[in-house]
Amino acid sequence: MVYYIHPLWQFAATILAVYVFYLGWPRLMAAFSGKKAAFLWKRHVSLGLITLTALLIGLIGGAGVTAHYWGGTGYTQHHYWIGLAMGPLMIFGLVSGLLLDRHKGKYKRLPVLHGLNNAVVLFLALVQTWTGLNVIRFFILD
């Protein structure tokens, strides 16, 4: 049963990440075009903080469960390494988001880096959904 906590947690966080990215999309496009855009700043910040924290907790939890029950990464190699690569990106997303929230309008390039970084995080989270389904199918249900 403990095997299913990580995938359900991460799937919920990934769905939330899609919504947070949707909220941030107008701001990212405005940064590229130089125009102004309507942007739900507070909702994006609060849900982004929850989402990235949840994904990090899920990363730590998944690695911990894998190490405890399987003694290492075993056959989850791709899933494990992609998740591990996401860690620093998620931390950058959290730190840059907090900086952007605390010092509104101060940074010129950081909003673009923040948006592109978190687009990569979202893409990798979606890839993780696929690799995670394969882990469940081949190593848990088998």
N, C-alpha and C. Protein backbone atom coordinates (compact mmCIF):
# COMPACT_ATOMS: atom_id res chain seq x y z
N MET A 1 0.81 -1.20 0.00
CA MET A 1 0.00 0.00 0.00
C MET A 1 0.86 1.27 0.00
N VAL A 2 1.97 1.23 0.69
CA VAL A 2 2.84 2.41 0.77
C VAL A 2 3.39 2.78 -0.61
N TYR A 3 3.44 1.79 -1.51
CA TYR A 3 3.93 2.06 -2.86
C TYR A 3 3.07 3.06 -3.61
N TYR A 4 1.80 3.17 -3.25
CA TYR A 4 0.88 4.02 -3.99
C TYR A 4 0.81 5.45 -3.47
N ILE A 5 1.37 5.72 -2.31
CA ILE A 5 1.34 7.09 -1.77
C ILE A 5 2.13 8.03 -2.68
N HIS A 6 3.34 7.64 -3.03
CA HIS A 6 4.19 8.49 -3.87
C HIS A 6 3.55 8.81 -5.22
N PRO A 7 3.09 7.80 -5.97
CA PRO A 7 2.52 8.15 -7.29
C PRO A 7 1.26 9.01 -7.19
N LEU A 8 0.40 8.75 -6.23
CA LEU A 8 -0.81 9.56 -6.09
C LEU A 8 -0.46 10.99 -5.68
N TRP A 9 0.47 11.13 -4.76
CA TRP A 9 0.93 12.45 -4.30
C TRP A 9 1.52 13.24 -5.47
N GLN A 10 2.42 12.59 -6.22
CA GLN A 10 3.08 13.28 -7.32
C GLN A 10 2.11 13.60 -8.46
N PHE A 11 1.16 12.71 -8.70
CA PHE A 11 0.18 12.98 -9.75
C PHE A 11 -0.66 14.20 -9.39
N ALA A 12 -1.09 14.28 -8.13
CA ALA A 12 -1.87 15.45 -7.69
C ALA A 12 -1.03 16.72 -7.80
N ALA A 13 0.24 16.65 -7.40
CA ALA A 13 1.12 17.81 -7.50
C ALA A 13 1.36 18.20 -8.96
N THR A 14 1.43 17.22 -9.84
CA THR A 14 1.64 17.51 -11.27
C THR A 14 0.41 18.18 -11.87
N ILE A 15 -0.78 17.72 -11.50
CA ILE A 15 -2.01 18.37 -11.97
C ILE A 15 -2.03 19.82 -11.49
N LEU A 16 -1.67 20.04 -10.24
CA LEU A 16 -1.60 21.40 -9.71
C LEU A 16 -0.54 22.22 -10.45
N ALA A 17 0.57 21.59 -10.81
CA ALA A 17 1.63 22.28 -11.56
C ALA A 17 1.13 22.76 -12.92
N VAL A 18 0.29 21.97 -13.56
CA VAL A 18 -0.28 22.39 -14.85
C VAL A 18 -1.09 23.67 -14.65
N TYR A 19 -1.88 23.71 -13.58
CA TYR A 19 -2.70 24.89 -13.31
C TYR A 19 -1.82 26.11 -12.98
N VAL A 20 -0.80 25.91 -12.17
CA VAL A 20 0.10 27.01 -11.81
C VAL A 20 0.82 27.53 -13.06
N PHE A 21 1.23 26.63 -13.94
CA PHE A 21 1.86 27.07 -15.18
C PHE A 21 0.88 27.85 -16.05
N TYR A 22 -0.36 27.41 -16.07
CA TYR A 22 -1.41 28.13 -16.80
C TYR A 22 -1.56 29.55 -16.23
N LEU A 23 -1.51 29.68 -14.92
CA LEU A 23 -1.60 31.00 -14.29
C LEU A 23 -0.40 31.88 -14.66
N GLY A 24 0.77 31.28 -14.76
CA GLY A 24 1.98 32.04 -15.05
C GLY A 24 2.21 32.32 -16.53
N TRP A 25 1.50 31.62 -17.39
CA TRP A 25 1.71 31.75 -18.83
C TRP A 25 1.58 33.19 -19.33
N PRO A 26 0.54 33.94 -18.95
CA PRO A 26 0.44 35.32 -19.43
C PRO A 26 1.65 36.18 -19.04
N ARG A 27 2.17 35.96 -17.86
CA ARG A 27 3.34 36.72 -17.40
C ARG A 27 4.58 36.36 -18.22
N LEU A 28 4.74 35.08 -18.51
CA LEU A 28 5.88 34.64 -19.31
C LEU A 28 5.80 35.21 -20.72
N MET A 29 4.63 35.17 -21.32
CA MET A 29 4.46 35.72 -22.67
C MET A 29 4.66 37.24 -22.68
N ALA A 30 4.21 37.90 -21.63
CA ALA A 30 4.40 39.35 -21.52
C ALA A 30 5.88 39.69 -21.41
N ALA A 31 6.63 38.86 -20.71
CA ALA A 31 8.07 39.09 -20.56
C ALA A 31 8.78 38.99 -21.91
N PHE A 32 8.33 38.07 -22.76
CA PHE A 32 8.94 37.93 -24.08
C PHE A 32 8.52 39.04 -25.03
N SER A 33 7.27 39.47 -24.93
CA SER A 33 6.76 40.46 -25.88
C SER A 33 6.99 41.90 -25.42
N GLY A 34 7.27 42.08 -24.14
CA GLY A 34 7.46 43.42 -23.60
C GLY A 34 6.16 44.14 -23.31
N LYS A 35 5.04 43.45 -23.44
CA LYS A 35 3.73 44.04 -23.18
C LYS A 35 3.28 43.69 -21.77
N LYS A 36 2.21 44.31 -21.33
CA LYS A 36 1.62 44.02 -20.03
C LYS A 36 0.56 42.92 -20.21
N ALA A 37 0.32 42.18 -19.13
CA ALA A 37 -0.68 41.12 -19.19
C ALA A 37 -1.34 40.99 -17.83
N ALA A 38 -2.60 40.60 -17.83
CA ALA A 38 -3.30 40.29 -16.58
C ALA A 38 -2.68 39.03 -15.99
N PHE A 39 -2.41 39.08 -14.70
CA PHE A 39 -1.67 37.99 -14.06
C PHE A 39 -2.17 37.84 -12.63
N LEU A 40 -2.65 36.66 -12.28
CA LEU A 40 -3.12 36.40 -10.91
C LEU A 40 -1.91 36.08 -10.04
N TRP A 41 -1.20 37.12 -9.65
CA TRP A 41 0.09 37.01 -8.96
C TRP A 41 -0.01 36.19 -7.67
N LYS A 42 -0.89 36.59 -6.76
CA LYS A 42 -0.95 35.95 -5.44
C LYS A 42 -1.34 34.48 -5.55
N ARG A 43 -2.29 34.17 -6.42
CA ARG A 43 -2.69 32.77 -6.59
C ARG A 43 -1.54 31.96 -7.18
N HIS A 44 -0.86 32.52 -8.17
CA HIS A 44 0.28 31.85 -8.78
C HIS A 44 1.38 31.59 -7.74
N VAL A 45 1.67 32.60 -6.93
CA VAL A 45 2.73 32.46 -5.93
C VAL A 45 2.36 31.43 -4.87
N SER A 46 1.16 31.52 -4.32
CA SER A 46 0.78 30.60 -3.24
C SER A 46 0.68 29.16 -3.74
N LEU A 47 0.04 28.96 -4.89
CA LEU A 47 -0.08 27.60 -5.42
C LEU A 47 1.25 27.08 -5.96
N GLY A 48 2.08 27.98 -6.49
CA GLY A 48 3.41 27.56 -6.94
C GLY A 48 4.27 27.08 -5.79
N LEU A 49 4.20 27.78 -4.67
CA LEU A 49 4.93 27.37 -3.47
C LEU A 49 4.46 26.00 -3.00
N ILE A 50 3.16 25.81 -2.95
CA ILE A 50 2.60 24.51 -2.54
C ILE A 50 3.03 23.42 -3.51
N THR A 51 2.93 23.71 -4.81
CA THR A 51 3.24 22.70 -5.83
C THR A 51 4.69 22.27 -5.80
N LEU A 52 5.61 23.23 -5.82
CA LEU A 52 7.03 22.87 -5.84
C LEU A 52 7.46 22.19 -4.55
N THR A 53 6.89 22.62 -3.43
CA THR A 53 7.19 21.96 -2.15
C THR A 53 6.66 20.53 -2.17
N ALA A 54 5.45 20.35 -2.68
CA ALA A 54 4.87 19.00 -2.75
C ALA A 54 5.69 18.10 -3.66
N LEU A 55 6.14 18.62 -4.79
CA LEU A 55 6.97 17.82 -5.69
C LEU A 55 8.30 17.44 -5.04
N LEU A 56 8.90 18.38 -4.29
CA LEU A 56 10.15 18.07 -3.59
C LEU A 56 9.94 17.02 -2.51
N ILE A 57 8.85 17.16 -1.75
CA ILE A 57 8.54 16.16 -0.72
C ILE A 57 8.33 14.80 -1.38
N GLY A 58 7.63 14.79 -2.51
CA GLY A 58 7.41 13.55 -3.24
C GLY A 58 8.69 12.93 -3.75
N LEU A 59 9.61 13.78 -4.20
CA LEU A 59 10.92 13.30 -4.65
C LEU A 59 11.65 12.61 -3.50
N ILE A 60 11.69 13.27 -2.36
CA ILE A 60 12.37 12.71 -1.19
C ILE A 60 11.67 11.44 -0.73
N GLY A 61 10.34 11.48 -0.69
CA GLY A 61 9.58 10.30 -0.27
C GLY A 61 9.76 9.13 -1.21
N GLY A 62 9.71 9.39 -2.51
CA GLY A 62 9.89 8.31 -3.49
C GLY A 62 11.28 7.69 -3.40
N ALA A 63 12.29 8.53 -3.27
CA ALA A 63 13.66 8.02 -3.14
C ALA A 63 13.81 7.22 -1.85
N GLY A 64 13.17 7.70 -0.78
CA GLY A 64 13.24 6.99 0.50
C GLY A 64 12.56 5.64 0.47
N VAL A 65 11.38 5.60 -0.12
CA VAL A 65 10.63 4.33 -0.21
C VAL A 65 11.40 3.34 -1.08
N THR A 66 11.94 3.83 -2.19
CA THR A 66 12.72 2.96 -3.09
C THR A 66 13.94 2.40 -2.37
N ALA A 67 14.66 3.25 -1.66
CA ALA A 67 15.85 2.79 -0.94
C ALA A 67 15.48 1.81 0.17
N HIS A 68 14.39 2.09 0.88
CA HIS A 68 14.00 1.24 2.01
C HIS A 68 13.49 -0.12 1.55
N TYR A 69 12.58 -0.14 0.58
CA TYR A 69 11.95 -1.39 0.20
C TYR A 69 12.72 -2.17 -0.86
N TRP A 70 13.46 -1.48 -1.73
CA TRP A 70 14.17 -2.16 -2.80
C TRP A 70 15.67 -2.09 -2.63
N GLY A 71 16.15 -1.37 -1.64
CA GLY A 71 17.58 -1.29 -1.38
C GLY A 71 18.36 -0.44 -2.37
N GLY A 72 17.70 0.34 -3.16
CA GLY A 72 18.36 1.20 -4.14
C GLY A 72 17.40 1.51 -5.27
N THR A 73 17.95 2.07 -6.32
CA THR A 73 17.09 2.47 -7.44
C THR A 73 16.62 1.29 -8.26
N GLY A 74 17.39 0.22 -8.26
CA GLY A 74 16.98 -0.98 -8.97
C GLY A 74 16.61 -0.71 -10.42
N TYR A 75 15.43 -1.17 -10.78
CA TYR A 75 14.97 -1.04 -12.16
C TYR A 75 14.30 0.30 -12.45
N THR A 76 14.27 1.18 -11.47
CA THR A 76 13.61 2.48 -11.67
C THR A 76 14.59 3.53 -12.17
N GLN A 77 15.68 3.11 -12.74
CA GLN A 77 16.78 4.00 -13.10
C GLN A 77 16.33 5.31 -13.75
N HIS A 78 15.60 5.24 -14.85
CA HIS A 78 15.20 6.46 -15.55
C HIS A 78 14.33 7.35 -14.66
N HIS A 79 13.37 6.74 -14.01
CA HIS A 79 12.46 7.49 -13.14
C HIS A 79 13.24 8.16 -12.01
N TYR A 80 14.16 7.43 -11.43
CA TYR A 80 14.96 7.95 -10.34
C TYR A 80 15.85 9.11 -10.79
N TRP A 81 16.57 8.93 -11.89
CA TRP A 81 17.52 9.96 -12.33
C TRP A 81 16.83 11.21 -12.84
N ILE A 82 15.70 11.05 -13.51
CA ILE A 82 14.94 12.23 -13.94
C ILE A 82 14.44 12.99 -12.71
N GLY A 83 13.92 12.25 -11.73
CA GLY A 83 13.46 12.88 -10.49
C GLY A 83 14.59 13.61 -9.78
N LEU A 84 15.74 12.98 -9.74
CA LEU A 84 16.90 13.61 -9.10
C LEU A 84 17.32 14.88 -9.83
N ALA A 85 17.26 14.86 -11.15
CA ALA A 85 17.60 16.05 -11.94
C ALA A 85 16.60 17.18 -11.70
N MET A 86 15.37 16.84 -11.37
CA MET A 86 14.35 17.85 -11.11
C MET A 86 14.60 18.60 -9.80
N GLY A 87 15.27 17.97 -8.85
CA GLY A 87 15.48 18.57 -7.53
C GLY A 87 16.06 19.98 -7.58
N PRO A 88 17.23 20.17 -8.19
CA PRO A 88 17.80 21.53 -8.25
C PRO A 88 16.92 22.51 -9.02
N LEU A 89 16.24 22.02 -10.05
CA LEU A 89 15.34 22.90 -10.81
C LEU A 89 14.17 23.36 -9.95
N MET A 90 13.65 22.45 -9.13
CA MET A 90 12.54 22.83 -8.24
C MET A 90 13.01 23.82 -7.18
N ILE A 91 14.21 23.61 -6.66
CA ILE A 91 14.75 24.54 -5.67
C ILE A 91 14.95 25.92 -6.30
N PHE A 92 15.48 25.96 -7.53
CA PHE A 92 15.62 27.24 -8.23
C PHE A 92 14.25 27.89 -8.44
N GLY A 93 13.26 27.09 -8.80
CA GLY A 93 11.91 27.63 -8.98
C GLY A 93 11.36 28.23 -7.71
N LEU A 94 11.58 27.55 -6.58
CA LEU A 94 11.13 28.08 -5.29
C LEU A 94 11.85 29.38 -4.93
N VAL A 95 13.17 29.36 -5.00
CA VAL A 95 13.96 30.53 -4.60
C VAL A 95 13.68 31.71 -5.52
N SER A 96 13.67 31.47 -6.82
CA SER A 96 13.42 32.58 -7.75
C SER A 96 12.00 33.11 -7.59
N GLY A 97 11.05 32.22 -7.35
CA GLY A 97 9.67 32.67 -7.13
C GLY A 97 9.54 33.52 -5.88
N LEU A 98 10.22 33.12 -4.82
CA LEU A 98 10.17 33.92 -3.58
C LEU A 98 10.84 35.28 -3.79
N LEU A 99 11.96 35.29 -4.51
CA LEU A 99 12.63 36.57 -4.81
C LEU A 99 11.73 37.48 -5.64
N LEU A 100 11.10 36.93 -6.64
CA LEU A 100 10.21 37.72 -7.49
C LEU A 100 9.01 38.25 -6.71
N ASP A 101 8.54 37.46 -5.76
CA ASP A 101 7.39 37.89 -4.96
C ASP A 101 7.79 39.00 -3.98
N ARG A 102 8.96 38.88 -3.39
CA ARG A 102 9.39 39.86 -2.38
C ARG A 102 9.89 41.16 -2.98
N HIS A 103 10.43 41.11 -4.18
CA HIS A 103 11.00 42.30 -4.82
C HIS A 103 10.34 42.51 -6.18
N LYS A 104 9.07 42.80 -6.15
CA LYS A 104 8.29 42.96 -7.39
C LYS A 104 8.87 44.05 -8.28
N GLY A 105 9.04 43.72 -9.56
CA GLY A 105 9.49 44.69 -10.54
C GLY A 105 10.97 44.98 -10.54
N LYS A 106 11.72 44.37 -9.63
CA LYS A 106 13.15 44.67 -9.52
C LYS A 106 13.97 43.93 -10.58
N TYR A 107 13.54 42.75 -10.94
CA TYR A 107 14.33 41.90 -11.83
C TYR A 107 13.79 41.96 -13.26
N LYS A 108 14.70 41.90 -14.22
CA LYS A 108 14.31 41.92 -15.63
C LYS A 108 14.36 40.52 -16.25
N ARG A 109 15.43 39.80 -16.00
CA ARG A 109 15.60 38.48 -16.62
C ARG A 109 15.11 37.34 -15.74
N LEU A 110 15.07 37.55 -14.45
CA LEU A 110 14.69 36.47 -13.54
C LEU A 110 13.28 35.94 -13.81
N PRO A 111 12.29 36.78 -14.12
CA PRO A 111 10.97 36.22 -14.43
C PRO A 111 10.99 35.25 -15.61
N VAL A 112 11.80 35.57 -16.61
CA VAL A 112 11.90 34.68 -17.78
C VAL A 112 12.60 33.38 -17.39
N LEU A 113 13.70 33.48 -16.65
CA LEU A 113 14.41 32.28 -16.19
C LEU A 113 13.51 31.43 -15.31
N HIS A 114 12.77 32.08 -14.43
CA HIS A 114 11.83 31.39 -13.54
C HIS A 114 10.79 30.63 -14.37
N GLY A 115 10.20 31.31 -15.34
CA GLY A 115 9.17 30.68 -16.17
C GLY A 115 9.71 29.54 -17.01
N LEU A 116 10.85 29.74 -17.63
CA LEU A 116 11.44 28.67 -18.46
C LEU A 116 11.87 27.49 -17.60
N ASN A 117 12.48 27.77 -16.46
CA ASN A 117 12.89 26.72 -15.53
C ASN A 117 11.68 25.88 -15.12
N ASN A 118 10.61 26.54 -14.75
CA ASN A 118 9.45 25.81 -14.27
C ASN A 118 8.69 25.13 -15.41
N ALA A 119 8.85 25.62 -16.64
CA ALA A 119 8.31 24.89 -17.79
C ALA A 119 9.05 23.56 -17.95
N VAL A 120 10.36 23.58 -17.74
CA VAL A 120 11.14 22.35 -17.79
C VAL A 120 10.72 21.41 -16.66
N VAL A 121 10.52 21.96 -15.46
CA VAL A 121 10.06 21.14 -14.33
C VAL A 121 8.73 20.48 -14.67
N LEU A 122 7.81 21.24 -15.23
CA LEU A 122 6.51 20.68 -15.60
C LEU A 122 6.66 19.60 -16.66
N PHE A 123 7.47 19.85 -17.68
CA PHE A 123 7.70 18.85 -18.71
C PHE A 123 8.26 17.57 -18.11
N LEU A 124 9.27 17.70 -17.24
CA LEU A 124 9.86 16.52 -16.61
C LEU A 124 8.87 15.82 -15.69
N ALA A 125 8.01 16.57 -15.02
CA ALA A 125 6.98 15.96 -14.18
C ALA A 125 6.01 15.14 -15.03
N LEU A 126 5.69 15.63 -16.21
CA LEU A 126 4.82 14.87 -17.11
C LEU A 126 5.53 13.62 -17.63
N VAL A 127 6.83 13.73 -17.91
CA VAL A 127 7.62 12.55 -18.29
C VAL A 127 7.64 11.56 -17.14
N GLN A 128 7.77 12.07 -15.91
CA GLN A 128 7.79 11.22 -14.73
C GLN A 128 6.47 10.46 -14.56
N THR A 129 5.38 11.06 -15.00
CA THR A 129 4.10 10.35 -14.95
C THR A 129 4.19 9.08 -15.80
N TRP A 130 4.76 9.21 -16.98
CA TRP A 130 4.91 8.05 -17.86
C TRP A 130 5.89 7.02 -17.28
N THR A 131 7.06 7.46 -16.85
CA THR A 131 8.03 6.51 -16.30
C THR A 131 7.51 5.90 -15.01
N GLY A 132 6.76 6.68 -14.23
CA GLY A 132 6.19 6.17 -12.99
C GLY A 132 5.13 5.11 -13.25
N LEU A 133 4.32 5.31 -14.29
CA LEU A 133 3.33 4.29 -14.65
C LEU A 133 4.02 2.99 -15.05
N ASN A 134 5.15 3.10 -15.73
CA ASN A 134 5.91 1.90 -16.08
C ASN A 134 6.49 1.21 -14.85
N VAL A 135 6.95 1.99 -13.88
CA VAL A 135 7.45 1.40 -12.63
C VAL A 135 6.32 0.64 -11.94
N ILE A 136 5.15 1.25 -11.85
CA ILE A 136 4.01 0.58 -11.22
C ILE A 136 3.64 -0.69 -11.99
N ARG A 137 3.56 -0.57 -13.30
CA ARG A 137 3.12 -1.70 -14.12
C ARG A 137 4.10 -2.87 -14.07
N PHE A 138 5.39 -2.60 -14.17
CA PHE A 138 6.37 -3.68 -14.28
C PHE A 138 6.94 -4.17 -12.95
N PHE A 139 6.94 -3.31 -11.92
CA PHE A 139 7.63 -3.70 -10.70
C PHE A 139 6.74 -3.79 -9.47
N ILE A 140 5.57 -3.20 -9.51
CA ILE A 140 4.68 -3.28 -8.36
C ILE A 140 3.54 -4.24 -8.64
N LEU A 141 2.91 -4.11 -9.80
CA LEU A 141 1.78 -4.97 -10.14
C LEU A 141 2.21 -6.34 -10.63
N ASP A 142 3.44 -6.46 -11.09
CA ASP A 142 3.93 -7.72 -11.66
C ASP A 142 4.07 -8.80 -10.64
